[in-house]
Protein backbone atom coordinates (compact mmCIF):
# COMPACT_ATOMS: atom_id res chain seq x y z
CA MET A 1 89.24 130.94 107.39
CA ASN A 2 87.56 133.99 105.81
CA ASP A 3 84.17 134.13 104.05
CA GLU A 4 85.71 133.81 100.58
CA GLN A 5 87.61 130.68 101.58
CA ARG A 6 84.44 129.17 103.07
CA ARG A 7 82.62 129.73 99.76
CA GLU A 8 85.45 128.03 97.84
CA ILE A 9 85.37 124.91 100.05
CA ARG A 10 82.14 123.00 99.60
CA GLY A 11 80.60 120.76 102.20
CA SER A 12 77.37 119.95 104.00
CA ARG A 13 76.05 117.89 106.87
CA LYS A 14 74.90 115.32 104.32
CA ALA A 15 78.39 115.10 102.78
CA SER A 16 79.95 114.79 106.23
CA LEU A 17 77.56 112.03 107.31
CA THR A 18 77.93 110.18 104.01
CA GLY A 19 81.71 110.38 104.28
CA TRP A 20 81.68 109.15 107.88
CA LEU A 21 79.53 106.18 106.89
CA ALA A 22 81.78 105.47 103.89
CA GLY A 23 84.82 105.55 106.14
CA TRP A 24 83.33 102.97 108.44
CA VAL A 25 82.31 100.81 105.48
CA MET A 26 85.94 100.97 104.29
CA ARG A 27 87.20 100.13 107.77
CA VAL A 28 84.82 97.22 108.43
CA PHE A 29 85.26 95.93 104.88
CA GLY A 30 89.01 96.02 105.41
CA TRP A 31 88.72 93.60 108.31
CA THR A 32 87.63 90.90 105.82
CA LEU A 33 90.67 91.38 103.58
CA ARG A 34 94.03 89.65 103.71
CA ILE A 35 96.20 92.78 103.51
CA GLU A 36 99.96 92.50 103.06
CA VAL A 37 102.11 95.64 103.42
CA ASP A 38 105.50 95.82 101.71
CA ASP A 39 107.45 98.68 103.29
CA ARG A 40 110.23 99.19 100.73
CA ALA A 41 110.58 102.84 101.82
CA GLY A 42 111.51 101.93 105.39
CA LEU A 43 108.71 104.02 106.86
CA ALA A 44 108.38 101.80 109.93
CA GLY A 45 111.87 102.53 111.15
CA VAL A 46 114.57 103.74 108.78
CA HIS A 47 112.88 106.82 107.30
CA LYS A 48 111.79 109.13 110.11
CA GLY A 49 111.05 112.37 108.20
CA PRO A 50 107.77 113.27 106.47
CA VAL A 51 107.10 111.97 102.96
CA ILE A 52 104.66 112.52 100.11
CA TYR A 53 102.62 109.43 99.21
CA ALA A 54 101.59 109.22 95.55
CA LEU A 55 98.92 106.75 94.44
CA TRP A 56 96.35 106.60 91.68
CA HIS A 57 92.84 107.73 92.56
CA ASN A 58 91.24 104.34 91.90
CA ARG A 59 93.50 102.60 94.45
CA ILE A 60 92.60 104.62 97.53
CA PHE A 61 89.89 102.34 99.01
CA VAL A 62 92.28 100.10 100.98
CA VAL A 63 95.24 102.43 101.55
CA PRO A 64 93.98 104.28 104.68
CA GLY A 65 93.41 100.99 106.47
CA ALA A 66 96.73 99.53 105.36
CA TRP A 67 98.56 102.72 106.39
CA ARG A 68 96.86 102.77 109.80
CA LYS A 69 97.68 99.10 110.39
CA ALA A 70 101.35 99.48 109.40
CA PHE A 71 102.29 103.00 110.51
CA GLY A 72 99.36 104.65 112.27
CA ARG A 73 100.99 104.49 115.70
CA THR A 74 104.26 106.07 114.57
CA ARG A 75 103.38 108.46 111.73
CA ARG A 76 100.84 111.23 111.04
CA ALA A 77 99.28 111.97 107.67
CA VAL A 78 96.94 114.26 105.77
CA VAL A 79 95.26 113.63 102.41
CA LEU A 80 94.70 116.17 99.64
CA THR A 81 91.01 116.14 98.71
CA SER A 82 89.11 118.38 96.31
CA ALA A 83 87.20 121.47 97.45
CA SER A 84 83.95 119.88 96.19
CA HIS A 85 81.27 117.96 98.07
CA ASP A 86 82.99 114.73 96.99
CA GLY A 87 86.17 116.06 98.59
CA ALA A 88 84.26 116.75 101.79
CA MET A 89 83.06 113.14 101.86
CA LEU A 90 86.56 111.78 101.31
CA ALA A 91 87.96 114.06 104.03
CA ARG A 92 85.41 112.71 106.50
CA ALA A 93 86.01 109.12 105.37
CA VAL A 94 89.78 109.20 105.95
CA GLY A 95 89.12 110.90 109.27
CA VAL A 96 87.73 107.57 110.49
CA PHE A 97 91.30 106.24 110.15
CA GLY A 98 92.85 109.15 112.05
CA ILE A 99 94.03 110.85 108.86
CA GLY A 100 93.59 114.59 108.32
CA ALA A 101 92.70 116.43 105.11
CA VAL A 102 93.80 119.42 103.05
CA ARG A 103 91.05 120.77 100.79
CA GLY A 104 91.87 121.90 97.24
CA SER A 105 92.82 120.72 93.74
CA SER A 106 94.42 121.90 90.52
CA SER A 107 91.13 123.51 89.49
CA ARG A 108 90.04 125.07 92.80
CA ARG A 109 92.20 126.44 95.64
CA GLY A 110 95.37 124.92 94.14
CA VAL A 111 97.78 127.49 95.57
CA ALA A 112 96.17 127.45 99.02
CA ALA A 113 96.28 123.65 99.06
CA LEU A 114 99.98 123.65 98.10
CA VAL A 115 100.77 126.07 100.94
CA ALA A 116 98.77 123.96 103.42
CA MET A 117 100.51 120.73 102.36
CA ARG A 118 103.95 122.33 102.71
CA LYS A 119 102.96 123.47 106.21
CA ALA A 120 101.82 119.95 107.12
CA LEU A 121 105.16 118.53 105.94
CA ARG A 122 107.10 121.11 107.97
CA GLN A 123 105.09 120.09 111.02
CA GLY A 124 106.08 116.45 110.51
CA SER A 125 102.97 115.00 108.83
CA ASP A 126 103.09 112.83 105.74
CA VAL A 127 100.99 114.06 102.82
CA CYS A 128 99.02 111.79 100.50
CA VAL A 129 98.19 112.89 96.94
CA THR A 130 96.24 111.14 94.17
CA PRO A 131 97.91 112.94 91.26
CA ASP A 132 95.38 111.96 88.60
CA GLY A 133 92.46 113.20 90.71
CA PRO A 134 89.92 114.49 91.18
CA ARG A 135 88.72 114.04 87.58
CA GLY A 136 91.58 112.58 85.59
CA PRO A 137 92.72 111.73 83.07
CA ARG A 138 93.25 108.34 84.64
CA TYR A 139 96.87 107.34 85.25
CA ARG A 140 98.17 110.75 84.16
CA LEU A 141 100.26 112.50 86.81
CA GLN A 142 99.39 116.19 87.23
CA PRO A 143 102.31 118.58 87.95
CA GLY A 144 101.18 119.68 91.42
CA LEU A 145 102.80 116.65 93.05
CA VAL A 146 106.19 117.49 91.55
CA LYS A 147 105.86 121.14 92.58
CA LEU A 148 105.14 120.08 96.17
CA ALA A 149 108.15 117.74 96.25
CA GLU A 150 110.41 120.33 94.60
CA THR A 151 109.53 123.14 97.02
CA SER A 152 109.28 121.08 100.24
CA THR A 153 112.29 118.74 99.76
CA ALA A 154 110.13 115.88 101.09
CA PRO A 155 110.69 112.65 99.11
CA VAL A 156 107.93 111.02 97.07
CA VAL A 157 106.89 107.48 98.04
CA PRO A 158 104.97 105.78 95.20
CA VAL A 159 102.21 103.53 96.53
CA HIS A 160 101.11 100.46 94.55
CA VAL A 161 98.04 98.37 95.31
CA GLU A 162 97.69 94.87 93.91
CA PHE A 163 94.24 93.25 94.15
CA GLY A 164 93.68 89.51 94.19
CA ALA A 165 90.08 90.12 93.10
CA ALA A 166 88.20 93.40 92.76
CA TRP A 167 85.17 95.09 91.27
CA ARG A 168 85.82 98.05 88.96
CA LEU A 169 83.19 100.75 89.08
CA LYS A 170 82.00 102.58 85.96
CA SER A 171 83.53 105.88 87.05
CA TRP A 172 86.12 107.96 85.20
CA ASP A 173 88.93 106.21 87.10
CA ARG A 174 87.45 102.68 87.13
CA PHE A 175 87.54 102.81 90.94
CA HIS A 176 88.67 99.48 92.43
CA VAL A 177 86.81 97.85 95.32
CA PRO A 178 88.36 94.56 96.51
CA LYS A 179 86.07 91.59 96.89
CA PRO A 180 85.49 90.36 100.47
CA PHE A 181 88.08 87.93 101.85
CA SER A 182 90.40 88.56 98.91
CA ARG A 183 94.14 89.25 99.06
CA VAL A 184 95.43 92.82 98.75
CA ARG A 185 99.09 93.83 98.63
CA VAL A 186 100.02 97.45 99.36
CA VAL A 187 103.55 98.48 98.42
CA PHE A 188 105.15 101.63 99.80
CA ASP A 189 107.91 101.87 97.22
CA ARG A 190 111.41 103.30 97.57
CA ALA A 191 111.44 107.06 98.11
CA LEU A 192 112.27 109.39 95.21
CA ALA A 193 114.10 112.61 96.15
CA VAL A 194 113.06 115.40 93.76
CA PRO A 195 115.74 118.15 93.57
CA ALA A 196 114.92 121.79 94.27
CA ALA A 197 114.89 124.57 91.64
CA LEU A 198 114.25 122.33 88.64
CA SER A 199 114.51 123.63 85.10
CA GLU A 200 111.40 123.30 82.92
CA ASP A 201 112.82 120.24 81.16
CA ASP A 202 113.94 118.60 84.42
CA PHE A 203 110.53 119.29 85.98
CA GLU A 204 108.81 117.44 83.13
CA GLY A 205 111.39 114.68 83.39
CA TRP A 206 110.55 114.11 87.05
CA ARG A 207 106.83 114.27 86.35
CA ALA A 208 107.22 111.58 83.67
CA ARG A 209 109.51 109.49 85.89
CA ILE A 210 107.10 109.35 88.84
CA GLU A 211 104.20 108.62 86.48
CA GLU A 212 106.20 105.76 84.94
CA VAL A 213 107.00 104.30 88.38
CA LEU A 214 103.33 104.39 89.39
CA ASN A 215 102.20 102.85 86.11
CA ALA A 216 104.85 100.11 86.15
CA GLU A 217 102.79 98.01 88.57
CA VAL A 218 99.26 98.94 87.46
CA GLY A 219 98.80 96.25 84.82
CA ASP A 220 95.42 97.47 83.54
CA LEU A 221 96.14 100.80 81.81
CA GLU A 222 93.87 100.06 78.87
CA SER A 223 91.21 98.01 80.65
């Protein structure tokens, strides 16, 4: 990494420590939850190749733990996080679950992040993207996810999270934190194979289709 790249990617010891602590809070908190995993994509056995997970930003709290519990011994994964200090914290937090990170977003280091995610897929790692992050708008799928799927040929696996009871923070995404000892259902939905070399209209069609699939099981779009 050269000096210019280091300046683009923000981080600090404080962000790293905060992220590490947050990761352990997520992990310990997860032990109190009744988590059910629905593997519709067949990731535990049928589908061996790398995939792209797509989930809304406000659902991410329980997904690393659910993924580790269900697939962590058989699959590898990296998460796209922003190049900001918040991204540094998230990268450190998911590291507690044995998940790597690619730093970048649509606003900063977008091209470099796309290249890094394609490399991770070629090397056999799954890639996780929150396509309405890092700043929204909430439940609106940004085109970077479709571009990654189109150019890598890796299928998209929509991830749904259903909370029995949860707090919703007053952030832009209404971030969901499940209440202790509540039920959480994490669905790894059927994989969507995005074709290569899409026309402009087809590209938008796939963007809208994946967004619709993700929103179909949200249930609180206007809340």
